[in-house]
Protein backbone atom coordinates (compact mmCIF):
# COMPACT_ATOMS: atom_id res chain seq x y z
CA MET A 1 -62.95 -68.87 3.61
CA THR A 2 -65.12 -67.01 6.09
CA ILE A 3 -68.06 -68.32 8.10
CA VAL A 4 -70.18 -65.24 8.71
CA SER A 5 -72.66 -64.98 11.57
CA ILE A 6 -75.41 -62.56 10.58
CA GLY A 7 -77.13 -62.30 13.97
CA PRO A 8 -80.81 -62.88 14.68
CA GLY A 9 -82.06 -61.15 11.54
CA ASP A 10 -82.41 -57.40 11.97
CA PRO A 11 -79.67 -55.74 9.84
CA GLN A 12 -78.89 -53.42 12.78
CA TYR A 13 -77.53 -56.44 14.65
CA LEU A 14 -75.10 -57.44 11.89
CA ALA A 15 -71.58 -56.94 13.31
CA PRO A 16 -69.32 -54.51 11.40
CA LYS A 17 -66.75 -57.26 10.76
CA ALA A 18 -69.46 -59.53 9.36
CA ARG A 19 -70.68 -56.73 7.10
CA THR A 20 -67.14 -56.16 5.84
CA ALA A 21 -66.68 -59.87 5.12
CA LEU A 22 -69.88 -59.94 3.08
CA LYS A 23 -68.82 -56.86 1.12
CA GLN A 24 -65.45 -58.42 0.30
CA ALA A 25 -66.74 -61.88 -0.59
CA GLU A 26 -66.93 -63.01 -4.19
CA VAL A 27 -69.18 -65.96 -3.34
CA ILE A 28 -71.86 -66.02 -0.63
CA VAL A 29 -73.35 -69.35 0.38
CA GLY A 30 -76.32 -69.92 2.66
CA TYR A 31 -79.78 -71.22 3.44
CA LYS A 32 -82.23 -69.18 1.34
CA THR A 33 -84.24 -67.97 4.33
CA TYR A 34 -81.10 -66.54 5.92
CA LEU A 35 -79.86 -64.94 2.71
CA ASP A 36 -83.19 -63.11 2.53
CA LEU A 37 -82.35 -61.45 5.86
CA ILE A 38 -79.24 -59.77 4.43
CA ASP A 39 -79.39 -56.28 2.92
CA ALA A 40 -79.71 -56.67 -0.86
CA GLU A 41 -76.83 -54.25 -1.44
CA LEU A 42 -74.44 -56.68 0.30
CA LEU A 43 -75.40 -59.42 -2.16
CA GLU A 44 -75.13 -57.35 -5.34
CA GLY A 45 -72.53 -58.53 -7.81
CA LYS A 46 -71.83 -61.73 -5.85
CA GLU A 47 -72.17 -65.33 -6.89
CA ILE A 48 -74.96 -66.60 -4.65
CA ILE A 49 -75.30 -70.28 -3.77
CA SER A 50 -78.37 -71.25 -1.76
CA THR A 51 -80.18 -74.43 -0.80
CA GLY A 52 -83.29 -75.22 1.18
CA MET A 53 -83.81 -77.13 4.40
CA LYS A 54 -81.64 -80.25 4.79
CA GLY A 55 -79.20 -78.97 2.14
CA GLU A 56 -76.46 -78.12 4.65
CA ILE A 57 -73.86 -80.65 3.53
CA ARG A 58 -74.37 -79.82 -0.14
CA ARG A 59 -74.01 -76.07 0.23
CA CYS A 60 -71.04 -76.31 2.59
CA SER A 61 -69.33 -78.68 0.14
CA MET A 62 -69.94 -76.22 -2.70
CA ALA A 63 -68.52 -73.43 -0.57
CA ILE A 64 -65.37 -75.43 0.15
CA ASP A 65 -65.00 -76.16 -3.58
CA LYS A 66 -65.18 -72.43 -4.36
CA ALA A 67 -62.61 -71.67 -1.67
CA LEU A 68 -60.26 -74.33 -3.06
CA LYS A 69 -60.51 -72.58 -6.43
CA GLY A 70 -59.28 -69.36 -4.87
CA LYS A 71 -62.61 -67.56 -4.52
CA ASP A 72 -63.18 -65.33 -1.51
CA THR A 73 -66.08 -67.34 -0.10
CA ALA A 74 -68.44 -66.53 2.77
CA VAL A 75 -70.75 -69.11 4.33
CA VAL A 76 -73.69 -67.40 6.00
CA SER A 77 -75.16 -68.65 9.27
CA SER A 78 -77.94 -67.00 11.27
CA GLY A 79 -77.39 -66.01 14.88
CA ASP A 80 -73.90 -67.18 15.81
CA ALA A 81 -72.32 -69.70 13.43
CA GLY A 82 -70.88 -71.60 16.39
CA ILE A 83 -74.27 -72.14 18.06
CA TYR A 84 -76.33 -74.65 16.07
CA GLY A 85 -74.71 -73.08 13.02
CA MET A 86 -72.50 -73.94 10.07
CA ALA A 87 -69.05 -73.53 11.64
CA GLY A 88 -68.86 -77.10 12.91
CA LEU A 89 -70.03 -78.73 9.68
CA VAL A 90 -67.63 -76.75 7.51
CA LEU A 91 -64.68 -77.73 9.71
CA GLU A 92 -65.78 -81.38 9.77
CA LEU A 93 -66.05 -81.51 5.98
CA ILE A 94 -62.67 -79.87 5.48
CA ALA A 95 -61.05 -82.30 7.92
CA GLU A 96 -62.78 -85.29 6.30
CA GLN A 97 -61.31 -84.34 2.92
CA ASP A 98 -57.91 -83.54 4.45
CA PHE A 99 -58.06 -79.93 3.27
CA MET A 100 -57.07 -78.26 6.56
CA ASP A 101 -53.74 -77.12 5.14
CA ARG A 102 -55.36 -75.81 1.95
CA VAL A 103 -58.31 -73.79 3.27
CA GLU A 104 -57.86 -71.03 5.80
CA ILE A 105 -60.98 -70.62 7.94
CA GLU A 106 -62.15 -67.57 9.86
CA VAL A 107 -65.32 -67.68 11.95
CA ILE A 108 -66.95 -64.31 12.60
CA PRO A 109 -69.21 -64.40 15.67
CA GLY A 110 -72.63 -62.85 15.89
CA ILE A 111 -75.50 -62.18 18.26
CA PRO A 112 -77.31 -65.51 18.83
CA ALA A 113 -81.09 -65.67 18.79
CA LEU A 114 -81.10 -66.63 22.49
CA SER A 115 -79.52 -63.27 23.35
CA ALA A 116 -82.05 -61.38 21.25
CA ALA A 117 -84.87 -63.33 22.89
CA ALA A 118 -83.52 -62.75 26.39
CA ALA A 119 -83.22 -59.01 25.78
CA LEU A 120 -86.87 -58.82 24.76
CA LEU A 121 -87.95 -60.61 27.93
CA GLY A 122 -85.76 -58.63 30.33
CA ALA A 123 -82.90 -60.45 32.05
CA PRO A 124 -83.68 -64.17 32.28
CA LEU A 125 -80.14 -65.41 31.59
CA ILE A 126 -78.24 -63.55 34.31
CA HIS A 127 -77.35 -66.82 36.03
CA ASP A 128 -76.21 -70.21 34.70
CA PHE A 129 -78.24 -71.59 31.83
CA ALA A 130 -78.35 -74.55 29.45
CA VAL A 131 -79.36 -74.52 25.78
CA ILE A 132 -81.16 -77.55 24.34
CA SER A 133 -82.75 -78.14 20.93
CA LEU A 134 -85.80 -80.39 20.79
CA SER A 135 -85.15 -81.27 17.15
CA ASP A 136 -84.51 -84.99 16.88
CA LEU A 137 -83.25 -84.85 13.28
CA MET A 138 -79.64 -85.09 14.49
CA THR A 139 -80.03 -86.07 18.15
CA PRO A 140 -82.11 -89.04 19.37
CA TRP A 141 -85.07 -88.15 21.56
CA GLU A 142 -83.73 -90.23 24.45
CA VAL A 143 -80.55 -88.12 24.52
CA ILE A 144 -82.60 -84.93 24.43
CA ARG A 145 -84.79 -86.22 27.27
CA GLN A 146 -81.76 -87.03 29.42
CA ARG A 147 -80.26 -83.59 28.85
CA VAL A 148 -83.51 -81.79 29.68
CA GLU A 149 -83.94 -83.75 32.90
CA ALA A 150 -80.31 -83.23 33.95
CA ALA A 151 -80.53 -79.48 33.33
CA ALA A 152 -83.86 -79.22 35.13
CA LYS A 153 -82.55 -81.16 38.13
CA ALA A 154 -79.46 -78.93 38.29
CA ASP A 155 -81.70 -75.82 38.33
CA PHE A 156 -80.31 -74.28 35.15
CA VAL A 157 -82.40 -71.73 33.32
CA LEU A 158 -83.35 -73.60 30.15
CA VAL A 159 -83.22 -72.14 26.66
CA ILE A 160 -85.20 -74.35 24.31
CA TYR A 161 -84.65 -74.16 20.56
CA ASN A 162 -86.92 -75.83 17.98
CA PRO A 163 -89.69 -76.48 20.50
CA ARG A 164 -92.27 -77.71 18.02
CA SER A 165 -92.65 -78.38 14.29
CA LYS A 166 -95.43 -79.61 12.02
CA LYS A 167 -94.27 -83.19 12.58
CA ARG A 168 -92.98 -82.89 16.18
CA VAL A 169 -96.04 -82.03 18.22
CA TRP A 170 -95.65 -84.04 21.42
CA GLN A 171 -92.09 -83.38 22.65
CA LEU A 172 -92.78 -80.01 24.26
CA GLU A 173 -95.45 -81.45 26.56
CA LYS A 174 -93.03 -84.21 27.59
CA VAL A 175 -90.36 -81.61 28.32
CA ARG A 176 -92.76 -79.59 30.45
CA ASP A 177 -93.61 -82.68 32.49
CA LEU A 178 -89.90 -83.47 32.98
CA ILE A 179 -89.19 -79.96 34.24
CA LEU A 180 -92.24 -80.00 36.53
CA LYS A 181 -90.62 -82.83 38.47
CA HIS A 182 -88.05 -80.33 39.70
CA ARG A 183 -89.73 -76.90 39.53
CA SER A 184 -92.87 -75.13 40.58
CA LYS A 185 -95.72 -74.94 38.11
CA HIS A 186 -95.56 -71.15 38.59
CA THR A 187 -92.01 -70.92 37.20
CA PRO A 188 -91.88 -68.09 34.62
CA VAL A 189 -91.45 -69.09 30.99
CA GLY A 190 -90.66 -66.61 28.24
CA ILE A 191 -91.78 -67.33 24.69
CA VAL A 192 -90.25 -65.35 21.85
CA ARG A 193 -91.02 -65.79 18.17
CA ASN A 194 -89.02 -64.21 15.34
CA ALA A 195 -86.58 -62.53 17.74
CA ALA A 196 -85.20 -59.38 16.07
CA ARG A 197 -87.06 -60.16 12.85
CA LYS A 198 -90.24 -59.01 11.18
CA GLY A 199 -93.25 -60.23 13.16
CA GLU A 200 -91.37 -60.35 16.46
CA THR A 201 -93.47 -61.30 19.49
CA ALA A 202 -92.65 -61.95 23.15
CA GLN A 203 -94.77 -63.13 26.06
CA ILE A 204 -94.33 -64.49 29.56
CA THR A 205 -96.37 -67.39 30.87
CA THR A 206 -95.82 -70.13 33.47
CA LEU A 207 -94.41 -73.63 33.29
CA SER A 208 -97.84 -75.21 33.80
CA HIS A 209 -99.15 -73.39 30.71
CA MET A 210 -96.04 -73.72 28.54
CA GLY A 211 -97.46 -76.54 26.43
CA GLU A 212 -100.57 -74.52 25.63
CA ALA A 213 -98.64 -71.73 23.92
CA SER A 214 -98.58 -71.37 20.17
CA VAL A 215 -94.95 -72.12 19.28
CA ASP A 216 -93.09 -73.43 16.25
CA MET A 217 -89.57 -73.68 14.79
CA LEU A 218 -89.26 -69.88 14.81
CA SER A 219 -89.87 -69.78 18.57
CA ILE A 220 -87.43 -69.86 21.48
CA LEU A 221 -88.53 -70.72 25.02
CA LEU A 222 -86.71 -69.58 28.15
CA VAL A 223 -87.71 -71.54 31.24
CA GLY A 224 -86.72 -69.89 34.51
CA ASN A 225 -84.91 -71.55 37.40
CA SER A 226 -86.09 -71.66 41.01
CA GLY A 227 -85.11 -68.02 41.53
CA THR A 228 -86.52 -66.51 38.34
CA ARG A 229 -89.36 -64.07 38.83
CA VAL A 230 -91.43 -61.52 36.93
CA ILE A 231 -90.70 -57.88 37.77
CA GLY A 232 -93.28 -55.60 36.17
CA ASP A 233 -93.52 -57.04 32.67
CA LYS A 234 -89.94 -58.37 32.65
CA MET A 235 -88.53 -61.82 33.40
CA VAL A 236 -85.51 -61.71 35.71
CA THR A 237 -83.19 -64.38 37.07
CA PRO A 238 -81.23 -62.79 39.96
CA ARG A 239 -77.49 -63.42 40.08
CA GLY A 240 -77.45 -62.93 43.86
CA TYR A 241 -75.97 -59.45 44.24
CA LEU A 242 -78.70 -58.13 46.52
CA GLU A 243 -78.70 -61.26 48.67
CA LYS A 244 -74.94 -61.03 49.18
CA TYR A 245 -74.38 -57.29 49.42
CA GLY A 246 -77.79 -55.69 49.83
CA GLU A 247 -77.77 -55.62 53.65
CA LYS A 248 -74.24 -54.21 53.81
CA GLU A 249 -74.76 -51.14 51.69
CA ASP A 250 -77.26 -48.35 51.40
CA PHE A 251 -77.49 -47.92 47.62
CA TRP A 252 -79.69 -44.86 47.77
CA GLN A 253 -77.45 -42.50 49.74
């Protein structure tokens, strides 16, 4: 059984090994929106199992059942399957049913959406960063709040997934206020929607205006640390090379 990371969405970012796994699979299982991102030719002749939002346990269970029956099964996950993806759930379900010795698992990594978003903005993740989802479906808000504040206090660049939904409209403003306790209101914030997908957009604003931006579940926010700055139209978080070595060398000779 293979858990296939398909990257952020653009077929050009699908890893060769992931493409091969999809070609070889007899059964392909995934969230419908993510299956729609895959080239149709890779799905031809396959048994396709798809579910909508909140159908993760059901589709992973069906995938495990197919694998137990000897079918070459691929579970599709957008971005990287090990980052807010299906790899963890599949392994948990297999362990819960005591099938670890009956199902061989391979996880194929992919380009996560945060990397695609960062590339569009410039180089905001050159130094240490923390990734936090604002979705409280699985994680209580109080835990999310504590993690945001700890990361902000420690001066991590923050990558924020699931910043706002139709039902969750107030959390992002709370997060902004938490971060403002520890950072300047002028801190650069990158906002990317549909990274490496149709309708891709990217913009840079400031922390004080972060809550005013039009964002949703398809958006990723990258909040700079104390050293992040805007160079031209790019967002850059220096690693410290110039500060450490810049005075010792003449780079232009």
